[in-house]
Amino acid sequence: MLVLPISLVTALALAFVLLHVVLRGDRPRLFSVLIGACALQGLLVSLTQHYGIALLAGAQPILATLIPPLAWVTFQTTAVRAFDPERDLLHLIGPALTICCVIFAPAMLDLVVPGLFLFYGMMIVYAQREGPDALPLMRIETGDRPNLIWSGISLGLILSAFSDGLIGIAMLTENVWLKPIFLSLFTSLSLGLVGALVLSRSLIGSQAVGTSPAPIPDPADEQNDADIMTRLNKLFDEEALYLDADLTLQRLSRRLHIPAKKVSTAINRITGNNVSRYVNDFRVRHACERLKAGASVTTAMLESGFNTKSNFNREFLRLKGASPSVWLAEQNGASAGHQQLSDVAE
């Protein structure tokens, strides 16, 4: 009976994921490149560790060290800022260093490969330290989910570094037979985790405008928190910008001509909420008005800037203490009660 190694099964699964992403065409190209690199790495691990194709052994660490910087650049250019060739291509230094190690100092690979995985994994974790407001290109509607998903991807990178440490211990203790087991298990887990999480629609944000997220300098940059909130509330009242389902912190920043960091800081200090919750407060109030006017729950959801029922229900429950249907029933019951009291009084 044909038995496929787990790393090859992971590679095949990622290949189907890649095909799905390409056919849908709704993801940035870097997502496809990242999934493709993970699939190819799984294939290389299978061919070298399980089928003994030594000719490909040198390519395995090189491709492996391409994945962490690729994940970092994908994270940055889809969630934080626009792609900047001069800035982002510098991350090819890691794979270039790996090539030098393969040729001139193979022993150094045991430090370089796990070091790069650990470094970029921790970089993604650190970049998210401020929560959802640290990802200005993410749709505000998605709330904390992009942070959670990218945290999972960073965990996959860190697991790869951990596996290399276990392999090193196995080699030092002369348990060489454990190497292919550790390599297959942890590689499959980490690559599968990265590839699967990239599928989430919550990672689809708005394209950054220009090469920097910072707006054109404006005197409004010097305003205090209260002034920023006054301008933001006015913008929402006059243009109902919160109804845009693709609204991002970067778009708010550009409309106000104020840096995204200052906008998110003002919202946090004045309201005690992050940008996502602040915007969703407006959306839920609008949804309540539409429900009272006779709109269905789905119609009210879509017309209020929400894309998914899960987000809508979660935010509605947070603000109103009940699901939309239960809240509407309570409102109708209260209205009927008031009407009965009025009839009695007459």
C-alpha atoms as a PDB file:
ATOM      1  CA  MET A   1       0.000   0.000   0.000  1.00  0.00           C
ATOM      2  CA  LEU A   2       1.279   3.454  -0.912  1.00  0.00           C
ATOM      3  CA  VAL A   3       2.028   5.523   2.191  1.00  0.00           C
ATOM      4  CA  LEU A   4       2.681   9.247   1.828  1.00  0.00           C
ATOM      5  CA  PRO A   5       4.829  11.100   4.387  1.00  0.00           C
ATOM      6  CA  ILE A   6       2.966  13.753   6.350  1.00  0.00           C
ATOM      7  CA  SER A   7       5.062  16.547   4.852  1.00  0.00           C
ATOM      8  CA  LEU A   8       4.048  15.455   1.348  1.00  0.00           C
ATOM      9  CA  VAL A   9       0.391  15.333   2.368  1.00  0.00           C
ATOM     10  CA  THR A  10       0.780  18.883   3.713  1.00  0.00           C
ATOM     11  CA  ALA A  11       2.395  19.980   0.446  1.00  0.00           C
ATOM     12  CA  LEU A  12      -0.478  18.528  -1.593  1.00  0.00           C
ATOM     13  CA  ALA A  13      -3.055  20.182   0.679  1.00  0.00           C
ATOM     14  CA  LEU A  14      -1.290  23.530   0.314  1.00  0.00           C
ATOM     15  CA  ALA A  15      -1.191  23.065  -3.453  1.00  0.00           C
ATOM     16  CA  PHE A  16      -4.992  22.760  -3.452  1.00  0.00           C
ATOM     17  CA  VAL A  17      -5.211  25.825  -1.201  1.00  0.00           C
ATOM     18  CA  LEU A  18      -3.017  27.718  -3.655  1.00  0.00           C
ATOM     19  CA  LEU A  19      -5.207  26.659  -6.570  1.00  0.00           C
ATOM     20  CA  HIS A  20      -8.278  27.830  -4.652  1.00  0.00           C
ATOM     21  CA  VAL A  21      -6.709  31.222  -3.921  1.00  0.00           C
ATOM     22  CA  VAL A  22      -5.554  31.733  -7.521  1.00  0.00           C
ATOM     23  CA  LEU A  23      -8.927  30.793  -8.988  1.00  0.00           C
ATOM     24  CA  ARG A  24     -10.800  33.122  -6.633  1.00  0.00           C
ATOM     25  CA  GLY A  25      -8.426  35.956  -7.389  1.00  0.00           C
ATOM     26  CA  ASP A  26      -9.471  37.880  -4.254  1.00  0.00           C
ATOM     27  CA  ARG A  27      -6.140  37.783  -2.408  1.00  0.00           C
ATOM     28  CA  PRO A  28      -3.024  39.934  -2.865  1.00  0.00           C
ATOM     29  CA  ARG A  29      -0.369  38.153  -4.903  1.00  0.00           C
ATOM     30  CA  LEU A  30       1.969  37.870  -1.941  1.00  0.00           C
ATOM     31  CA  PHE A  31      -0.526  35.526  -0.273  1.00  0.00           C
ATOM     32  CA  SER A  32      -0.268  33.189  -3.250  1.00  0.00           C
ATOM     33  CA  VAL A  33       3.526  33.402  -3.218  1.00  0.00           C
ATOM     34  CA  LEU A  34       3.611  32.604   0.510  1.00  0.00           C
ATOM     35  CA  ILE A  35       1.322  29.587   0.153  1.00  0.00           C
ATOM     36  CA  GLY A  36       3.310  28.391  -2.873  1.00  0.00           C
ATOM     37  CA  ALA A  37       6.583  28.654  -0.962  1.00  0.00           C
ATOM     38  CA  CYS A  38       5.113  26.657   1.946  1.00  0.00           C
ATOM     39  CA  ALA A  39       3.854  23.963  -0.440  1.00  0.00           C
ATOM     40  CA  LEU A  40       7.215  23.727  -2.199  1.00  0.00           C
ATOM     41  CA  GLN A  41       9.060  23.510   1.115  1.00  0.00           C
ATOM     42  CA  GLY A  42       6.840  20.632   2.221  1.00  0.00           C
ATOM     43  CA  LEU A  43       7.637  18.866  -1.038  1.00  0.00           C
ATOM     44  CA  LEU A  44      11.390  19.395  -0.593  1.00  0.00           C
ATOM     45  CA  VAL A  45      11.277  18.024   2.959  1.00  0.00           C
ATOM     46  CA  SER A  46       9.530  14.904   1.666  1.00  0.00           C
ATOM     47  CA  LEU A  47      11.932  14.353  -1.202  1.00  0.00           C
ATOM     48  CA  THR A  48      15.085  14.848   0.892  1.00  0.00           C
ATOM     49  CA  GLN A  49      14.108  13.297   4.233  1.00  0.00           C
ATOM     50  CA  HIS A  50      11.850  10.442   3.127  1.00  0.00           C
ATOM     51  CA  TYR A  51      12.913   9.637  -0.418  1.00  0.00           C
ATOM     52  CA  GLY A  52      16.637  10.332   0.025  1.00  0.00           C
ATOM     53  CA  ILE A  53      17.127  12.703  -2.918  1.00  0.00           C
ATOM     54  CA  ALA A  54      20.365  14.248  -1.676  1.00  0.00           C
ATOM     55  CA  LEU A  55      20.669  16.511  -4.721  1.00  0.00           C
ATOM     56  CA  LEU A  56      17.921  18.745  -3.281  1.00  0.00           C
ATOM     57  CA  ALA A  57      19.352  18.906   0.238  1.00  0.00           C
ATOM     58  CA  GLY A  58      21.026  22.254  -0.391  1.00  0.00           C
ATOM     59  CA  ALA A  59      17.811  23.847  -1.679  1.00  0.00           C
ATOM     60  CA  GLN A  60      15.822  22.898   1.424  1.00  0.00           C
ATOM     61  CA  PRO A  61      17.374  25.416   3.898  1.00  0.00           C
ATOM     62  CA  ILE A  62      17.457  28.159   1.246  1.00  0.00           C
ATOM     63  CA  LEU A  63      13.750  27.892   0.522  1.00  0.00           C
ATOM     64  CA  ALA A  64      13.040  27.488   4.243  1.00  0.00           C
ATOM     65  CA  THR A  65      14.652  30.845   5.059  1.00  0.00           C
ATOM     66  CA  LEU A  66      12.694  32.532   2.280  1.00  0.00           C
ATOM     67  CA  ILE A  67       9.393  31.815   4.084  1.00  0.00           C
ATOM     68  CA  PRO A  68       9.881  33.955   7.264  1.00  0.00           C
ATOM     69  CA  PRO A  69      10.809  37.216   5.468  1.00  0.00           C
ATOM     70  CA  LEU A  70       8.094  36.529   2.897  1.00  0.00           C
ATOM     71  CA  ALA A  71       5.559  36.168   5.731  1.00  0.00           C
ATOM     72  CA  TRP A  72       6.814  39.420   7.258  1.00  0.00           C
ATOM     73  CA  VAL A  73       6.612  41.379   3.996  1.00  0.00           C
ATOM     74  CA  THR A  74       3.158  39.925   3.306  1.00  0.00           C
ATOM     75  CA  PHE A  75       2.044  40.997   6.787  1.00  0.00           C
ATOM     76  CA  GLN A  76       3.456  44.488   6.417  1.00  0.00           C
ATOM     77  CA  THR A  77       2.221  45.216   2.903  1.00  0.00           C
ATOM     78  CA  THR A  78      -1.303  43.835   3.381  1.00  0.00           C
ATOM     79  CA  ALA A  79      -1.991  45.086   6.903  1.00  0.00           C
ATOM     80  CA  VAL A  80       0.287  48.025   7.676  1.00  0.00           C
ATOM     81  CA  ARG A  81       1.643  49.891   4.666  1.00  0.00           C
ATOM     82  CA  ALA A  82       2.209  49.905   0.925  1.00  0.00           C
ATOM     83  CA  PHE A  83       4.908  47.751  -0.702  1.00  0.00           C
ATOM     84  CA  ASP A  84       8.249  49.560  -0.783  1.00  0.00           C
ATOM     85  CA  PRO A  85      10.849  47.771  -2.952  1.00  0.00           C
ATOM     86  CA  GLU A  86      13.850  49.483  -1.370  1.00  0.00           C
ATOM     87  CA  ARG A  87      12.644  48.572   2.086  1.00  0.00           C
ATOM     88  CA  ASP A  88      11.153  45.146   1.499  1.00  0.00           C
ATOM     89  CA  LEU A  89      13.772  43.644  -0.807  1.00  0.00           C
ATOM     90  CA  LEU A  90      16.334  44.072   1.979  1.00  0.00           C
ATOM     91  CA  HIS A  91      14.728  41.030   3.595  1.00  0.00           C
ATOM     92  CA  LEU A  92      16.377  38.882   0.920  1.00  0.00           C
ATOM     93  CA  ILE A  93      19.538  39.217   3.017  1.00  0.00           C
ATOM     94  CA  GLY A  94      18.432  36.217   5.124  1.00  0.00           C
ATOM     95  CA  PRO A  95      18.108  33.770   2.204  1.00  0.00           C
ATOM     96  CA  ALA A  96      21.328  35.198   0.714  1.00  0.00           C
ATOM     97  CA  LEU A  97      23.129  34.478   3.995  1.00  0.00           C
ATOM     98  CA  THR A  98      21.736  30.944   3.912  1.00  0.00           C
ATOM     99  CA  ILE A  99      23.130  30.413   0.400  1.00  0.00           C
ATOM    100  CA  CYS A 100      26.563  31.493   1.667  1.00  0.00           C
ATOM    101  CA  CYS A 101      26.282  29.053   4.562  1.00  0.00           C
ATOM    102  CA  VAL A 102      25.274  26.188   2.242  1.00  0.00           C
ATOM    103  CA  ILE A 103      28.352  26.831   0.107  1.00  0.00           C
ATOM    104  CA  PHE A 104      30.992  27.880   2.618  1.00  0.00           C
ATOM    105  CA  ALA A 105      29.848  27.041   6.175  1.00  0.00           C
ATOM    106  CA  PRO A 106      27.157  24.323   6.348  1.00  0.00           C
ATOM    107  CA  ALA A 107      27.559  24.031  10.119  1.00  0.00           C
ATOM    108  CA  MET A 108      26.211  27.574  10.521  1.00  0.00           C
ATOM    109  CA  LEU A 109      22.845  26.535   9.077  1.00  0.00           C
ATOM    110  CA  ASP A 110      21.865  25.139  12.487  1.00  0.00           C
ATOM    111  CA  LEU A 111      21.960  28.717  13.804  1.00  0.00           C
ATOM    112  CA  VAL A 112      20.900  30.740  10.781  1.00  0.00           C
ATOM    113  CA  VAL A 113      17.749  28.812   9.798  1.00  0.00           C
ATOM    114  CA  PRO A 114      16.027  28.656  13.222  1.00  0.00           C
ATOM    115  CA  GLY A 115      17.299  32.150  13.994  1.00  0.00           C
ATOM    116  CA  LEU A 116      15.486  33.636  10.998  1.00  0.00           C
ATOM    117  CA  PHE A 117      12.259  31.793  11.792  1.00  0.00           C
ATOM    118  CA  LEU A 118      12.364  32.938  15.423  1.00  0.00           C
ATOM    119  CA  PHE A 119      13.324  36.520  14.504  1.00  0.00           C
ATOM    120  CA  TYR A 120      10.499  37.075  12.019  1.00  0.00           C
ATOM    121  CA  GLY A 121       7.963  35.248  14.154  1.00  0.00           C
ATOM    122  CA  MET A 122       8.725  37.541  17.074  1.00  0.00           C
ATOM    123  CA  MET A 123       8.754  40.580  14.757  1.00  0.00           C
ATOM    124  CA  ILE A 124       5.152  39.882  13.732  1.00  0.00           C
ATOM    125  CA  VAL A 125       4.153  39.412  17.375  1.00  0.00           C
ATOM    126  CA  TYR A 126       5.850  42.685  18.371  1.00  0.00           C
ATOM    127  CA  ALA A 127       4.307  44.629  15.479  1.00  0.00           C
ATOM    128  CA  GLN A 128       0.831  43.714  16.766  1.00  0.00           C
ATOM    129  CA  ARG A 129       1.430  44.857  20.326  1.00  0.00           C
ATOM    130  CA  GLU A 130      -1.058  47.736  19.960  1.00  0.00           C
ATOM    131  CA  GLY A 131      -3.925  45.499  18.857  1.00  0.00           C
ATOM    132  CA  PRO A 132      -6.205  46.055  15.836  1.00  0.00           C
ATOM    133  CA  ASP A 133      -5.216  49.725  15.528  1.00  0.00           C
ATOM    134  CA  ALA A 134      -1.691  48.610  14.595  1.00  0.00           C
ATOM    135  CA  LEU A 135      -3.067  47.257  11.287  1.00  0.00           C
ATOM    136  CA  PRO A 136      -4.389  50.362   9.466  1.00  0.00           C
ATOM    137  CA  LEU A 137      -5.032  48.539   6.165  1.00  0.00           C
ATOM    138  CA  MET A 138      -7.356  45.958   7.718  1.00  0.00           C
ATOM    139  CA  ARG A 139     -11.086  46.486   7.346  1.00  0.00           C
ATOM    140  CA  ILE A 140     -12.378  47.902  10.617  1.00  0.00           C
ATOM    141  CA  GLU A 141     -15.278  45.442  10.548  1.00  0.00           C
ATOM    142  CA  THR A 142     -12.918  42.504  11.115  1.00  0.00           C
ATOM    143  CA  GLY A 143     -12.015  43.705  14.615  1.00  0.00           C
ATOM    144  CA  ASP A 144      -9.421  41.540  16.407  1.00  0.00           C
ATOM    145  CA  ARG A 145      -9.460  38.642  13.939  1.00  0.00           C
ATOM    146  CA  PRO A 146      -6.550  39.773  11.714  1.00  0.00           C
ATOM    147  CA  ASN A 147      -4.382  40.083  14.825  1.00  0.00           C
ATOM    148  CA  LEU A 148      -5.369  36.597  15.972  1.00  0.00           C
ATOM    149  CA  ILE A 149      -4.718  35.098  12.537  1.00  0.00           C
ATOM    150  CA  TRP A 150      -1.320  36.741  12.145  1.00  0.00           C
ATOM    151  CA  SER A 151      -0.482  35.613  15.676  1.00  0.00           C
ATOM    152  CA  GLY A 152      -1.224  32.061  14.514  1.00  0.00           C
ATOM    153  CA  ILE A 153       1.056  32.529  11.517  1.00  0.00           C
ATOM    154  CA  SER A 154       3.833  33.858  13.741  1.00  0.00           C
ATOM    155  CA  LEU A 155       3.310  30.811  15.981  1.00  0.00           C
ATOM    156  CA  GLY A 156       3.907  28.609  12.933  1.00  0.00           C
ATOM    157  CA  LEU A 157       7.234  30.362  12.323  1.00  0.00           C
ATOM    158  CA  ILE A 158       8.267  30.036  15.964  1.00  0.00           C
ATOM    159  CA  LEU A 159       7.348  26.327  15.960  1.00  0.00           C
ATOM    160  CA  SER A 160       9.730  25.822  13.052  1.00  0.00           C
ATOM    161  CA  ALA A 161      12.540  27.389  15.063  1.00  0.00           C
ATOM    162  CA  PHE A 162      11.620  25.161  18.021  1.00  0.00           C
ATOM    163  CA  SER A 163      11.745  22.067  15.826  1.00  0.00           C
ATOM    164  CA  ASP A 164      15.274  22.913  14.705  1.00  0.00           C
ATOM    165  CA  GLY A 165      16.264  23.127  18.358  1.00  0.00           C
ATOM    166  CA  LEU A 166      14.823  19.664  19.007  1.00  0.00           C
ATOM    167  CA  ILE A 167      16.643  18.310  15.971  1.00  0.00           C
ATOM    168  CA  GLY A 168      19.897  19.769  17.303  1.00  0.00           C
ATOM    169  CA  ILE A 169      19.344  18.064  20.655  1.00  0.00           C
ATOM    170  CA  ALA A 170      18.551  14.774  18.900  1.00  0.00           C
ATOM    171  CA  MET A 171      21.797  14.987  16.918  1.00  0.00           C
ATOM    172  CA  LEU A 172      23.854  15.823  20.020  1.00  0.00           C
ATOM    173  CA  THR A 173      22.383  12.892  21.916  1.00  0.00           C
ATOM    174  CA  GLU A 174      23.033  10.603  18.925  1.00  0.00           C
ATOM    175  CA  ASN A 175      19.330   9.982  18.358  1.00  0.00           C
ATOM    176  CA  VAL A 176      19.657  10.645  14.640  1.00  0.00           C
ATOM    177  CA  TRP A 177      16.556   8.608  13.896  1.00  0.00           C
ATOM    178  CA  LEU A 178      14.446  11.354  15.500  1.00  0.00           C
ATOM    179  CA  LYS A 179      15.525  13.978  12.956  1.00  0.00           C
ATOM    180  CA  PRO A 180      13.130  13.035  10.099  1.00  0.00           C
ATOM    181  CA  ILE A 181      10.291  12.602  12.590  1.00  0.00           C
ATOM    182  CA  PHE A 182      10.758  16.038  14.168  1.00  0.00           C
ATOM    183  CA  LEU A 183      11.349  17.638  10.793  1.00  0.00           C
ATOM    184  CA  SER A 184       8.232  16.133   9.228  1.00  0.00           C
ATOM    185  CA  LEU A 185       5.916  16.782  12.151  1.00  0.00           C
ATOM    186  CA  PHE A 186       6.893  20.354  12.906  1.00  0.00           C
ATOM    187  CA  THR A 187       7.376  21.343   9.276  1.00  0.00           C
ATOM    188  CA  SER A 188       3.956  19.990   8.390  1.00  0.00           C
ATOM    189  CA  LEU A 189       2.336  21.681  11.359  1.00  0.00           C
ATOM    190  CA  SER A 190       3.946  25.065  10.803  1.00  0.00           C
ATOM    191  CA  LEU A 191       3.562  25.138   7.012  1.00  0.00           C
ATOM    192  CA  GLY A 192      -0.008  23.886   7.218  1.00  0.00           C
ATOM    193  CA  LEU A 193      -0.825  26.505   9.846  1.00  0.00           C
ATOM    194  CA  VAL A 194       0.593  29.344   7.761  1.00  0.00           C
ATOM    195  CA  GLY A 195      -1.098  28.181   4.567  1.00  0.00           C
ATOM    196  CA  ALA A 196      -4.495  27.546   6.132  1.00  0.00           C
ATOM    197  CA  LEU A 197      -4.636  30.813   8.053  1.00  0.00           C
ATOM    198  CA  VAL A 198      -3.766  32.850   4.976  1.00  0.00           C
ATOM    199  CA  LEU A 199      -7.072  31.630   3.511  1.00  0.00           C
ATOM    200  CA  SER A 200      -9.085  33.734   5.960  1.00  0.00           C
ATOM    201  CA  ARG A 201     -11.051  36.537   4.334  1.00  0.00           C
ATOM    202  CA  SER A 202     -10.345  38.653   7.411  1.00  0.00           C
ATOM    203  CA  LEU A 203      -6.832  39.232   6.055  1.00  0.00           C
ATOM    204  CA  ILE A 204      -8.203  40.929   2.930  1.00  0.00           C
ATOM    205  CA  GLY A 205      -7.806  44.619   3.623  1.00  0.00           C
ATOM    206  CA  SER A 206      -7.592  47.805   1.634  1.00  0.00           C
ATOM    207  CA  GLN A 207      -4.729  48.603  -0.687  1.00  0.00           C
ATOM    208  CA  ALA A 208      -2.447  51.284   0.688  1.00  0.00           C
ATOM    209  CA  VAL A 209      -2.193  54.490  -1.301  1.00  0.00           C
ATOM    210  CA  GLY A 210       1.332  55.604  -2.083  1.00  0.00           C
ATOM    211  CA  THR A 211       4.510  54.310  -0.512  1.00  0.00           C
ATOM    212  CA  SER A 212       3.814  55.591   2.982  1.00  0.00           C
ATOM    213  CA  PRO A 213       0.728  55.460   5.164  1.00  0.00           C
ATOM    214  CA  ALA A 214       1.418  58.924   6.511  1.00  0.00           C
ATOM    215  CA  PRO A 215      -0.828  61.663   5.040  1.00  0.00           C
ATOM    216  CA  ILE A 216       0.352  64.952   3.625  1.00  0.00           C
ATOM    217  CA  PRO A 217       1.429  67.205   6.517  1.00  0.00           C
ATOM    218  CA  ASP A 218      -1.422  69.400   7.658  1.00  0.00           C
ATOM    219  CA  PRO A 219      -1.916  71.882  10.503  1.00  0.00           C
ATOM    220  CA  ALA A 220      -4.611  69.531  11.808  1.00  0.00           C
ATOM    221  CA  ASP A 221      -1.802  67.181  12.852  1.00  0.00           C
ATOM    222  CA  GLU A 222      -1.210  69.394  15.860  1.00  0.00           C
ATOM    223  CA  GLN A 223      -4.782  69.237  17.126  1.00  0.00           C
ATOM    224  CA  ASN A 224      -5.515  67.663  20.473  1.00  0.00           C
ATOM    225  CA  ASP A 225      -7.613  64.563  21.010  1.00  0.00           C
ATOM    226  CA  ALA A 226     -10.879  66.427  21.523  1.00  0.00           C
ATOM    227  CA  ASP A 227     -10.479  68.389  18.289  1.00  0.00           C
ATOM    228  CA  ILE A 228      -9.704  65.201  16.372  1.00  0.00           C
ATOM    229  CA  MET A 229     -12.827  63.544  17.733  1.00  0.00           C
ATOM    230  CA  THR A 230     -14.921  66.598  16.853  1.00  0.00           C
ATOM    231  CA  ARG A 231     -13.726  66.406  13.257  1.00  0.00           C
ATOM    232  CA  LEU A 232     -14.226  62.648  13.128  1.00  0.00           C
ATOM    233  CA  ASN A 233     -17.747  62.813  14.529  1.00  0.00           C
ATOM    234  CA  LYS A 234     -18.600  65.567  12.074  1.00  0.00           C
ATOM    235  CA  LEU A 235     -17.279  63.458   9.212  1.00  0.00           C
ATOM    236  CA  PHE A 236     -19.418  60.525  10.329  1.00  0.00           C
ATOM    237  CA  ASP A 237     -22.512  62.673  10.829  1.00  0.00           C
ATOM    238  CA  GLU A 238     -22.245  64.430   7.467  1.00  0.00           C
ATOM    239  CA  GLU A 239     -21.034  61.581   5.255  1.00  0.00           C
ATOM    240  CA  ALA A 240     -21.914  58.430   7.225  1.00  0.00           C
ATOM    241  CA  LEU A 241     -18.474  57.113   6.349  1.00  0.00           C
ATOM    242  CA  TYR A 242     -18.949  54.267   8.817  1.00  0.00           C
ATOM    243  CA  LEU A 243     -21.398  52.629   6.378  1.00  0.00           C
ATOM    244  CA  ASP A 244     -18.490  51.753   4.077  1.00  0.00           C
ATOM    245  CA  ALA A 245     -17.849  48.041   4.715  1.00  0.00           C
ATOM    246  CA  ASP A 246     -14.261  48.435   3.439  1.00  0.00           C
ATOM    247  CA  LEU A 247     -13.436  51.303   5.779  1.00  0.00           C
ATOM    248  CA  THR A 248      -9.935  51.145   7.285  1.00  0.00           C
ATOM    249  CA  LEU A 249      -7.975  53.234   9.749  1.00  0.00           C
ATOM    250  CA  GLN A 250      -5.791  54.409   6.882  1.00  0.00           C
ATOM    251  CA  ARG A 251      -8.817  55.790   5.009  1.00  0.00           C
ATOM    252  CA  LEU A 252      -9.966  57.663   8.093  1.00  0.00           C
ATOM    253  CA  SER A 253      -6.459  59.011   8.494  1.00  0.00           C
ATOM    254  CA  ARG A 254      -6.355  60.327   4.945  1.00  0.00           C
ATOM    255  CA  ARG A 255      -9.807  61.862   5.082  1.00  0.00           C
ATOM    256  CA  LEU A 256      -8.885  63.748   8.259  1.00  0.00           C
ATOM    257  CA  HIS A 257      -5.311  64.518   7.091  1.00  0.00           C
ATOM    258  CA  ILE A 258      -4.110  63.261  10.444  1.00  0.00           C
ATOM    259  CA  PRO A 259      -1.650  60.362  10.992  1.00  0.00           C
ATOM    260  CA  ALA A 260      -3.354  57.048  11.728  1.00  0.00           C
ATOM    261  CA  LYS A 261      -1.546  56.765  15.064  1.00  0.00           C
ATOM    262  CA  LYS A 262      -2.995  60.087  16.259  1.00  0.00           C
ATOM    263  CA  VAL A 263      -6.503  59.122  15.145  1.00  0.00           C
ATOM    264  CA  SER A 264      -6.410  55.784  16.974  1.00  0.00           C
ATOM    265  CA  THR A 265      -4.860  57.389  20.081  1.00  0.00           C
ATOM    266  CA  ALA A 266      -7.559  60.089  20.186  1.00  0.00           C
ATOM    267  CA  ILE A 267     -10.338  57.505  19.876  1.00  0.00           C
ATOM    268  CA  ASN A 268      -8.807  55.358  22.601  1.00  0.00           C
ATOM    269  CA  ARG A 269      -8.293  58.233  25.038  1.00  0.00           C
ATOM    270  CA  ILE A 270     -11.681  59.876  24.530  1.00  0.00           C
ATOM    271  CA  THR A 271     -13.935  56.820  24.173  1.00  0.00           C
ATOM    272  CA  GLY A 272     -11.929  54.061  25.840  1.00  0.00           C
ATOM    273  CA  ASN A 273     -12.440  51.909  22.720  1.00  0.00           C
ATOM    274  CA  ASN A 274     -10.254  50.955  19.799  1.00  0.00           C
ATOM    275  CA  VAL A 275     -11.093  52.167  16.289  1.00  0.00           C
ATOM    276  CA  SER A 276     -13.037  49.027  15.405  1.00  0.00           C
ATOM    277  CA  ARG A 277     -15.396  49.288  18.364  1.00  0.00           C
ATOM    278  CA  TYR A 278     -15.831  53.019  17.897  1.00  0.00           C
ATOM    279  CA  VAL A 279     -16.901  52.606  14.264  1.00  0.00           C
ATOM    280  CA  ASN A 280     -19.086  49.618  15.043  1.00  0.00           C
ATOM    281  CA  ASP A 281     -20.971  51.685  17.636  1.00  0.00           C
ATOM    282  CA  PHE A 282     -22.175  53.905  14.783  1.00  0.00           C
ATOM    283  CA  ARG A 283     -22.970  50.903  12.635  1.00  0.00           C
ATOM    284  CA  VAL A 284     -25.041  49.175  15.302  1.00  0.00           C
ATOM    285  CA  ARG A 285     -27.023  52.366  15.961  1.00  0.00           C
ATOM    286  CA  HIS A 286     -27.743  52.611  12.242  1.00  0.00           C
ATOM    287  CA  ALA A 287     -28.765  48.941  12.171  1.00  0.00           C
ATOM    288  CA  CYS A 288     -31.197  49.549  15.043  1.00  0.00           C
ATOM    289  CA  GLU A 289     -32.830  52.352  13.083  1.00  0.00           C
ATOM    290  CA  ARG A 290     -33.173  50.134  10.029  1.00  0.00           C
ATOM    291  CA  LEU A 291     -34.641  47.287  12.106  1.00  0.00           C
ATOM    292  CA  LYS A 292     -37.181  49.640  13.647  1.00  0.00           C
ATOM    293  CA  ALA A 293     -38.069  50.822  10.140  1.00  0.00           C
ATOM    294  CA  GLY A 294     -38.999  47.266   9.167  1.00  0.00           C
ATOM    295  CA  ALA A 295     -35.786  46.056   7.474  1.00  0.00           C
ATOM    296  CA  SER A 296     -34.825  42.410   7.867  1.00  0.00           C
ATOM    297  CA  VAL A 297     -31.820  41.539  10.018  1.00  0.00           C
ATOM    298  CA  THR A 298     -29.717  40.726   6.931  1.00  0.00           C
ATOM    299  CA  THR A 299     -30.701  43.945   5.174  1.00  0.00           C
ATOM    300  CA  ALA A 300     -29.981  46.022   8.273  1.00  0.00           C
ATOM    301  CA  MET A 301     -26.620  44.297   8.622  1.00  0.00           C
ATOM    302  CA  LEU A 302     -25.506  44.953   5.053  1.00  0.00           C
ATOM    303  CA  GLU A 303     -26.815  48.521   4.979  1.00  0.00           C
ATOM    304  CA  SER A 304     -24.926  49.317   8.173  1.00  0.00           C
ATOM    305  CA  GLY A 305     -21.440  48.393   6.940  1.00  0.00           C
ATOM    306  CA  PHE A 306     -21.150  44.805   8.168  1.00  0.00           C
ATOM    307  CA  ASN A 307     -20.134  42.012   5.801  1.00  0.00           C
ATOM    308  CA  THR A 308     -20.722  38.959   7.970  1.00  0.00           C
ATOM    309  CA  LYS A 309     -23.435  37.942  10.399  1.00  0.00           C
ATOM    310  CA  SER A 310     -20.900  36.729  12.939  1.00  0.00           C
ATOM    311  CA  ASN A 311     -19.343  40.196  13.257  1.00  0.00           C
ATOM    312  CA  PHE A 312     -22.750  41.872  13.245  1.00  0.00           C
ATOM    313  CA  ASN A 313     -24.194  39.600  15.927  1.00  0.00           C
ATOM    314  CA  ARG A 314     -21.099  39.878  18.103  1.00  0.00           C
ATOM    315  CA  GLU A 315     -21.044  43.679  18.022  1.00  0.00           C
ATOM    316  CA  PHE A 316     -24.815  43.952  18.412  1.00  0.00           C
ATOM    317  CA  LEU A 317     -24.708  41.695  21.471  1.00  0.00           C
ATOM    318  CA  ARG A 318     -21.847  43.734  22.947  1.00  0.00           C
ATOM    319  CA  LEU A 319     -23.756  47.005  22.658  1.00  0.00           C
ATOM    320  CA  LYS A 320     -27.380  45.952  23.109  1.00  0.00           C
ATOM    321  CA  GLY A 321     -27.039  42.876  25.296  1.00  0.00           C
ATOM    322  CA  ALA A 322     -29.125  40.737  22.928  1.00  0.00           C
ATOM    323  CA  SER A 323     -29.121  39.412  19.386  1.00  0.00           C
ATOM    324  CA  PRO A 324     -30.740  41.620  16.696  1.00  0.00           C
ATOM    325  CA  SER A 325     -33.879  39.473  16.481  1.00  0.00           C
ATOM    326  CA  VAL A 326     -34.322  39.313  20.269  1.00  0.00           C
ATOM    327  CA  TRP A 327     -33.688  43.040  20.614  1.00  0.00           C
ATOM    328  CA  LEU A 328     -36.227  43.824  17.902  1.00  0.00           C
ATOM    329  CA  ALA A 329     -38.816  41.579  19.562  1.00  0.00           C
ATOM    330  CA  GLU A 330     -38.206  43.379  22.858  1.00  0.00           C
ATOM    331  CA  GLN A 331     -38.596  46.752  21.154  1.00  0.00           C
ATOM    332  CA  ASN A 332     -41.821  45.674  19.492  1.00  0.00           C
ATOM    333  CA  GLY A 333     -43.116  44.338  22.799  1.00  0.00           C
ATOM    334  CA  ALA A 334     -42.291  47.583  24.546  1.00  0.00           C
ATOM    335  CA  SER A 335     -44.017  49.565  21.803  1.00  0.00           C
ATOM    336  CA  ALA A 336     -47.100  47.361  22.070  1.00  0.00           C
ATOM    337  CA  GLY A 337     -47.137  47.873  25.836  1.00  0.00           C
ATOM    338  CA  HIS A 338     -46.966  51.628  25.468  1.00  0.00           C
ATOM    339  CA  GLN A 339     -49.783  51.507  22.936  1.00  0.00           C
ATOM    340  CA  GLN A 340     -51.975  49.484  25.317  1.00  0.00           C
ATOM    341  CA  LEU A 341     -51.348  51.968  28.131  1.00  0.00           C
ATOM    342  CA  SER A 342     -52.272  54.795  25.807  1.00  0.00           C
ATOM    343  CA  ASP A 343     -55.505  53.065  24.810  1.00  0.00           C
ATOM    344  CA  VAL A 344     -56.429  52.507  28.458  1.00  0.00           C
ATOM    345  CA  ALA A 345     -55.770  56.142  29.276  1.00  0.00           C
ATOM    346  CA  GLU A 346     -58.074  57.236  26.514  1.00  0.00           C
END
